[in-house]
Protein backbone atom coordinates (compact mmCIF):
# COMPACT_ATOMS: atom_id res chain seq x y z
CA UNK A 1 -1.74 42.14 23.39
CA UNK A 2 -4.80 41.61 25.57
CA UNK A 3 -7.18 38.93 24.35
CA UNK A 4 -10.88 39.76 23.62
CA UNK A 5 -11.91 37.57 26.54
CA UNK A 6 -9.55 39.34 28.95
CA UNK A 7 -10.75 42.80 27.79
CA UNK A 8 -14.37 41.85 28.17
CA UNK A 9 -13.71 40.23 31.53
CA UNK A 10 -11.82 43.21 32.94
CA UNK A 11 -14.45 45.64 31.70
CA UNK A 12 -17.18 43.56 33.26
CA UNK A 13 -15.21 43.15 36.48
CA UNK A 14 -14.72 46.90 36.89
CA UNK A 15 -18.40 47.59 36.35
CA UNK A 16 -19.51 44.78 38.62
CA UNK A 17 -17.01 45.88 41.28
CA UNK A 18 -18.41 49.41 41.22
CA UNK A 19 -21.98 48.24 41.38
CA UNK A 20 -21.19 45.75 44.14
CA UNK A 21 -19.54 48.50 46.23
CA UNK A 22 -22.57 50.68 45.78
CA UNK A 23 -24.88 47.83 46.77
CA UNK A 24 -22.83 47.05 49.84
CA UNK A 25 -22.89 50.72 50.87
CA UNK A 26 -26.63 50.82 50.51
CA UNK A 27 -26.86 47.60 52.50
CA UNK A 28 -24.89 49.07 55.37
CA UNK A 29 -27.21 52.07 55.44
CA UNK A 30 -30.17 49.70 55.75
CA UNK A 31 -28.33 47.76 58.40
CA UNK A 32 -28.34 44.53 56.44
CA UNK A 33 -25.50 42.32 55.11
CA UNK A 34 -24.02 42.50 51.60
CA UNK A 35 -26.18 41.53 48.67
CA UNK A 36 -25.54 38.03 47.26
CA UNK A 37 -23.30 37.66 44.16
CA UNK A 38 -26.21 37.14 41.79
CA UNK A 39 -27.55 40.53 42.82
CA UNK A 40 -24.85 42.04 40.64
CA UNK A 41 -26.88 42.45 37.49
CA UNK A 42 -24.11 44.05 35.53
CA UNK A 43 -22.60 41.13 33.50
CA UNK A 44 -20.24 41.26 30.57
CA UNK A 45 -23.09 41.79 28.15
CA UNK A 46 -23.99 45.03 29.87
CA UNK A 47 -20.38 46.18 30.03
CA UNK A 48 -19.10 48.83 27.66
CA UNK A 49 -17.92 47.08 24.50
CA UNK A 50 -18.90 43.68 25.94
CA UNK A 51 -21.18 42.78 23.05
CA UNK A 52 -18.40 43.28 20.52
CA UNK A 53 -15.96 41.26 22.62
CA UNK A 54 -18.35 38.32 22.86
CA UNK A 55 -19.01 38.46 19.10
CA UNK A 56 -15.30 38.29 18.37
CA UNK A 57 -14.86 35.46 20.87
CA UNK A 58 -17.74 33.56 19.29
CA UNK A 59 -16.15 33.78 15.82
CA UNK A 60 -12.84 32.49 17.19
CA UNK A 61 -14.55 29.54 18.83
CA UNK A 62 -16.36 28.69 15.60
CA UNK A 63 -13.06 28.63 13.71
CA UNK A 64 -11.45 26.37 16.31
CA UNK A 65 -14.39 23.96 16.31
CA UNK A 66 -14.37 23.79 12.51
CA UNK A 67 -10.69 22.81 12.42
CA UNK A 68 -11.07 20.21 15.21
CA UNK A 69 -14.12 18.61 13.59
CA UNK A 70 -12.32 18.07 10.30
CA UNK A 71 -13.84 20.99 8.53
CA UNK A 72 -10.77 21.33 6.30
CA UNK A 73 -11.40 20.49 2.64
CA UNK A 74 -9.67 17.26 1.50
CA UNK A 75 -6.98 17.60 -1.16
CA UNK A 76 -8.09 16.56 -4.67
CA UNK A 77 -6.77 13.29 -6.15
CA UNK A 78 -3.52 13.58 -8.12
CA UNK A 79 -4.14 14.34 -11.77
CA UNK A 80 -0.80 13.20 -13.25
CA UNK A 81 0.84 10.10 -11.76
CA UNK A 82 4.10 8.41 -12.71
CA UNK A 83 4.96 4.94 -11.39
CA UNK A 84 8.59 3.77 -11.43
CA UNK A 85 8.48 0.16 -10.27
CA UNK A 86 7.42 -2.95 -12.17
CA UNK A 87 5.16 -4.24 -9.39
CA UNK A 88 3.66 -0.85 -8.55
CA UNK A 89 3.10 -0.13 -12.23
CA UNK A 90 0.91 -3.19 -12.70
CA UNK A 91 -1.37 -2.25 -9.81
CA UNK A 92 -1.51 1.42 -10.82
CA UNK A 93 -2.56 0.37 -14.34
CA UNK A 94 -5.56 -1.40 -12.81
CA UNK A 95 -6.49 1.14 -10.14
CA UNK A 96 -5.89 4.53 -11.75
CA UNK A 97 -8.73 6.55 -13.24
CA UNK A 98 -8.68 7.03 -17.03
CA UNK A 99 -5.93 9.47 -17.93
CA UNK A 100 -4.59 9.65 -14.36
CA UNK A 101 -1.48 7.52 -15.00
CA UNK A 102 0.84 9.32 -17.42
CA UNK A 103 4.00 7.19 -17.27
CA UNK A 104 5.34 3.80 -16.12
CA UNK A 105 8.74 2.19 -15.76
CA UNK A 106 10.24 0.80 -18.94
CA UNK A 107 10.46 -2.73 -17.47
CA UNK A 108 6.66 -2.84 -17.24
CA UNK A 109 6.52 -3.06 -21.02
CA UNK A 110 8.50 -6.33 -21.05
CA UNK A 111 6.03 -9.11 -21.84
CA UNK A 112 8.21 -11.70 -20.10
CA UNK A 113 8.15 -9.88 -16.78
CA UNK A 114 4.93 -7.88 -16.71
CA UNK A 115 1.41 -9.26 -16.59
CA UNK A 116 0.15 -5.86 -17.83
CA UNK A 117 2.67 -5.23 -20.59
CA UNK A 118 0.01 -4.45 -23.21
CA UNK A 119 -1.56 -1.69 -21.12
CA UNK A 120 1.90 -0.44 -20.15
CA UNK A 121 2.90 0.00 -23.79
CA UNK A 122 0.11 2.52 -24.23
CA UNK A 123 1.95 4.92 -21.90
CA UNK A 124 5.37 6.61 -22.04
CA UNK A 125 8.17 4.40 -20.69
CA UNK A 126 10.19 6.19 -18.03
CA UNK A 127 13.62 5.32 -16.72
CA UNK A 128 14.87 6.17 -13.23
CA UNK A 129 16.11 9.57 -14.36
CA UNK A 130 14.87 12.79 -12.83
CA UNK A 131 14.73 14.66 -16.13
CA UNK A 132 12.53 11.99 -17.74
CA UNK A 133 10.14 11.99 -14.79
CA UNK A 134 9.83 15.78 -14.53
CA UNK A 135 9.23 16.02 -18.28
CA UNK A 136 5.84 14.37 -17.67
CA UNK A 137 4.89 17.05 -15.10
CA UNK A 138 3.66 14.64 -12.43
CA UNK A 139 2.06 15.69 -9.17
CA UNK A 140 2.61 12.21 -7.70
CA UNK A 141 5.35 9.61 -8.22
CA UNK A 142 5.12 6.04 -6.92
CA UNK A 143 8.38 4.44 -5.76
CA UNK A 144 9.26 1.26 -3.91
CA UNK A 145 11.58 1.01 -0.93
CA UNK A 146 14.49 -0.07 -3.16
CA UNK A 147 14.42 3.07 -5.30
CA UNK A 148 17.60 5.20 -5.19
CA UNK A 149 17.24 7.61 -2.25
CA UNK A 150 18.40 10.53 -4.36
CA UNK A 151 15.39 10.14 -6.66
CA UNK A 152 12.86 10.81 -3.88
CA UNK A 153 14.99 13.70 -2.62
CA UNK A 154 15.22 15.34 -6.06
CA UNK A 155 11.50 14.95 -6.65
CA UNK A 156 10.76 16.48 -3.27
CA UNK A 157 12.95 19.50 -4.07
CA UNK A 158 11.02 19.92 -7.31
CA UNK A 159 7.77 20.04 -5.33
CA UNK A 160 6.54 16.63 -6.49
CA UNK A 161 4.75 14.42 -4.00
CA UNK A 162 6.35 10.98 -3.57
CA UNK A 163 4.78 7.83 -2.13
CA UNK A 164 7.14 5.02 -1.03
CA UNK A 165 5.81 1.47 -0.72
CA UNK A 166 7.46 -1.38 1.24
CA UNK A 167 8.38 -4.70 -0.34
CA UNK A 168 5.53 -7.16 -0.87
CA UNK A 169 6.59 -10.83 -0.48
CA UNK A 170 3.27 -12.51 0.36
CA UNK A 171 -0.24 -12.62 -1.04
CA UNK A 172 -1.44 -10.65 1.98
CA UNK A 173 1.21 -8.01 1.26
CA UNK A 174 -0.24 -7.72 -2.23
CA UNK A 175 -3.75 -7.12 -0.89
CA UNK A 176 -2.43 -4.43 1.47
CA UNK A 177 -0.48 -2.82 -1.37
CA UNK A 178 -3.63 -2.65 -3.51
CA UNK A 179 -5.35 -0.65 -0.80
CA UNK A 180 -2.33 1.60 -0.22
CA UNK A 181 -1.86 2.47 -3.90
CA UNK A 182 -5.58 3.10 -4.30
CA UNK A 183 -5.49 5.50 -1.34
CA UNK A 184 -2.52 7.37 -2.84
CA UNK A 185 -4.42 7.73 -6.11
CA UNK A 186 -7.59 8.89 -4.36
CA UNK A 187 -9.31 5.72 -5.61
CA UNK A 188 -10.19 4.05 -2.31
CA UNK A 189 -13.40 2.45 -3.58
CA UNK A 190 -11.56 0.83 -6.51
CA UNK A 191 -8.91 -0.49 -4.12
CA UNK A 192 -11.48 -1.95 -1.76
CA UNK A 193 -13.28 -3.67 -4.64
CA UNK A 194 -10.08 -5.22 -6.02
CA UNK A 195 -8.81 -6.31 -2.58
CA UNK A 196 -12.16 -7.92 -1.76
CA UNK A 197 -12.19 -9.69 -5.12
CA UNK A 198 -8.71 -11.10 -4.49
CA UNK A 199 -9.80 -12.46 -1.11
CA UNK A 200 -12.96 -13.97 -2.55
CA UNK A 201 -11.14 -15.68 -5.42
CA UNK A 202 -8.50 -17.04 -3.06
CA UNK A 203 -11.19 -18.58 -0.84
CA UNK A 204 -12.83 -20.12 -3.91
CA UNK A 205 -9.63 -21.97 -4.87
CA UNK A 206 -9.72 -24.14 -1.76
CA UNK A 207 -5.96 -24.00 -1.85
CA UNK A 208 -4.68 -24.74 1.63
CA UNK A 209 -5.71 -28.27 2.64
CA UNK A 210 -4.41 -28.83 6.14
CA UNK A 211 -5.74 -32.39 6.46
CA UNK A 212 -3.85 -33.90 3.50
CA UNK A 213 -0.15 -34.70 2.97
CA UNK A 214 1.72 -31.82 1.40
CA UNK A 215 3.69 -32.86 -1.72
CA UNK A 216 7.24 -31.60 -2.26
CA UNK A 217 7.83 -28.96 -4.92
CA UNK A 218 11.03 -27.43 -6.29
CA UNK A 219 11.41 -24.24 -8.30
CA UNK A 220 14.24 -24.18 -10.82
CA UNK A 221 14.94 -20.99 -12.69
CA UNK A 222 17.50 -19.87 -15.23
CA UNK A 223 21.14 -20.46 -14.22
CA UNK A 224 20.01 -23.12 -11.74
CA UNK A 225 18.62 -20.72 -9.11
CA UNK A 226 15.70 -21.48 -6.82
CA UNK A 227 13.52 -19.55 -4.37
CA UNK A 228 13.16 -20.22 -0.66
CA UNK A 229 11.55 -18.70 2.45
CA UNK A 230 10.87 -14.99 2.41
CA UNK A 231 9.82 -14.89 -1.23
CA UNK A 232 6.47 -14.58 -2.95
CA UNK A 233 6.74 -17.94 -4.79
CA UNK A 234 7.39 -19.67 -1.46
CA UNK A 235 4.28 -18.08 0.03
CA UNK A 236 2.16 -19.15 -2.95
CA UNK A 237 3.54 -22.70 -2.85
CA UNK A 238 2.54 -23.02 0.80
CA UNK A 239 -0.90 -21.60 0.13
CA UNK A 240 -1.36 -24.15 -2.65
CA UNK A 241 -0.54 -26.98 -0.23
CA UNK A 242 3.09 -27.71 -1.19
CA UNK A 243 6.34 -27.97 0.71
CA UNK A 244 9.26 -26.05 -0.79
CA UNK A 245 12.46 -28.08 -1.27
CA UNK A 246 14.68 -24.98 -0.99
CA UNK A 247 13.08 -23.94 2.29
CA UNK A 248 13.44 -27.43 3.75
CA UNK A 249 17.12 -27.43 2.78
CA UNK A 250 17.58 -24.08 4.54
CA UNK A 251 18.69 -22.24 1.41
CA UNK A 252 18.61 -18.47 1.15
CA UNK A 253 15.74 -16.60 -0.51
CA UNK A 254 17.47 -16.77 -3.92
CA UNK A 255 20.14 -19.44 -4.07
CA UNK A 256 21.66 -21.89 -6.58
CA UNK A 257 20.24 -25.41 -6.60
CA UNK A 258 22.59 -27.91 -8.32
CA UNK A 259 20.96 -30.28 -10.79
CA UNK A 260 22.29 -33.36 -8.98
CA UNK A 261 20.74 -32.19 -5.69
CA UNK A 262 17.46 -31.64 -7.46
CA UNK A 263 17.48 -35.11 -9.01
CA UNK A 264 18.31 -36.83 -5.69
CA UNK A 265 15.53 -34.98 -3.90
CA UNK A 266 12.98 -36.35 -6.39
CA UNK A 267 10.32 -33.69 -5.77
CA UNK A 268 6.70 -34.41 -6.65
CA UNK A 269 6.56 -31.24 -8.71
CA UNK A 270 9.30 -29.41 -10.61
CA UNK A 271 8.36 -25.82 -11.48
CA UNK A 272 10.30 -24.34 -14.39
CA UNK A 273 10.62 -20.68 -15.21
CA UNK A 274 8.41 -19.84 -18.17
CA UNK A 275 9.91 -16.44 -19.02
CA UNK A 276 12.20 -17.71 -21.76
CA UNK A 277 13.30 -15.23 -24.36
CA UNK A 278 13.41 -15.60 -28.12
CA UNK A 279 17.08 -16.60 -27.76
CA UNK A 280 17.17 -18.89 -24.74
CA UNK A 281 20.35 -19.19 -22.73
CA UNK A 282 22.13 -22.50 -22.19
CA UNK A 283 20.55 -22.78 -18.73
CA UNK A 284 17.09 -22.17 -20.15
CA UNK A 285 17.67 -24.81 -22.81
CA UNK A 286 18.82 -27.27 -20.14
CA UNK A 287 15.60 -26.81 -18.20
CA UNK A 288 13.56 -28.05 -21.12
CA UNK A 289 16.03 -30.67 -22.36
CA UNK A 290 14.42 -34.08 -22.79
CA UNK A 291 17.20 -35.99 -21.03
CA UNK A 292 17.16 -33.63 -18.04
CA UNK A 293 13.42 -33.92 -17.68
CA UNK A 294 13.60 -37.71 -18.02
CA UNK A 295 16.01 -37.83 -15.06
CA UNK A 296 13.22 -36.77 -12.72
CA UNK A 297 11.27 -39.95 -13.37
CA UNK A 298 7.71 -39.57 -12.07
CA UNK A 299 8.18 -35.94 -11.16
CA UNK A 300 5.55 -33.77 -12.73
CA UNK A 301 6.63 -30.49 -14.30
CA UNK A 302 4.88 -27.15 -14.48
CA UNK A 303 6.07 -24.22 -16.57
CA UNK A 304 5.13 -21.11 -14.60
CA UNK A 305 5.20 -17.74 -16.40
CA UNK A 306 7.47 -15.50 -14.38
CA UNK A 307 4.97 -12.63 -14.57
CA UNK A 308 2.38 -14.55 -12.54
CA UNK A 309 4.39 -14.64 -9.33
CA UNK A 310 7.13 -12.07 -9.72
CA UNK A 311 4.94 -9.35 -8.14
CA UNK A 312 2.31 -9.60 -5.42
CA UNK A 313 -1.11 -8.85 -6.84
CA UNK A 314 -4.05 -10.23 -8.84
CA UNK A 315 -1.87 -12.35 -11.24
CA UNK A 316 -0.94 -14.51 -8.23
CA UNK A 317 -4.43 -16.01 -8.37
CA UNK A 318 -3.71 -17.54 -11.77
CA UNK A 319 -0.44 -18.93 -10.41
CA UNK A 320 -2.31 -20.41 -7.44
CA UNK A 321 -4.92 -21.89 -9.74
CA UNK A 322 -2.20 -23.73 -11.71
CA UNK A 323 -0.47 -24.92 -8.54
CA UNK A 324 -3.70 -26.20 -6.98
CA UNK A 325 -4.53 -28.09 -10.17
CA UNK A 326 -1.12 -29.80 -10.06
CA UNK A 327 -1.50 -30.65 -6.39
CA UNK A 328 -4.90 -32.22 -7.06
CA UNK A 329 -3.41 -34.24 -9.93
CA UNK A 330 -0.61 -35.50 -7.67
CA UNK A 331 -3.07 -36.48 -4.94
CA UNK A 332 -5.25 -38.29 -7.46
CA UNK A 333 -2.24 -40.25 -8.74
CA UNK A 334 -1.45 -41.40 -5.20
């Protein structure tokens, strides 16, 4: 098929060629050379059908320019969102518009693990089952990188948009995740406001004192486990001005820490897991046993609610506030 431009050009060329031949013939009769090119006054506009060809070409150019300049209308924000991860749920509960979030993971309603369990209990609890998710008719589902791959695939086949978020193991990761979730929800301004507030509150804590000795801290959780490098608690400990015993011993991110090793290390601060249930396990009872706590001598103890540093996000600021207060108390004692 010949393009409008080619048709107009060929029509104009034929007419110009004819007129140029006639002009040259007249020139030879007058004994002069050929007329210059601009003497050909028959342009495409004067050609037969040239006006229509240029009009069509003009409309095509307008359409191309509109698409290049971003003239396409932006998609509306999702109206029905389901979040299926404890850490994502807590941020979505803060960032979503009223009525936008229609379901959260069932773990988010656990008051020992979730900092937003009250808000979460106002929404349907959803398990990682495709039929439960689709029953809520979502147009967006939030998943983390550890979600079963088949879940994202099944949702995609059902025509549901899925957003996957990488793991967040630092405070900075939490700030980035706030912005990313807000963008997925079409709530960029809310995400910017929350991220800026987190940065401002962190600066106000005066947490990281580089010019003072850093006291030694140890985290001891249920069943004698501790946390080391590559975890959110380790990042928060460093930001609060502490050294992490597990990291200095080269332990893995989540590793057992025997009680005798803990006692010999004599850390300045022992952080106990505060997410005890109504029926505490033997390990949980041991952590708060008077004789066990007496064995640490001058070691100060801090009971940290698990929900404050299990997920990267705004609750970390309360955890940092408690850690900084303990570090200041230790420095004052020295």
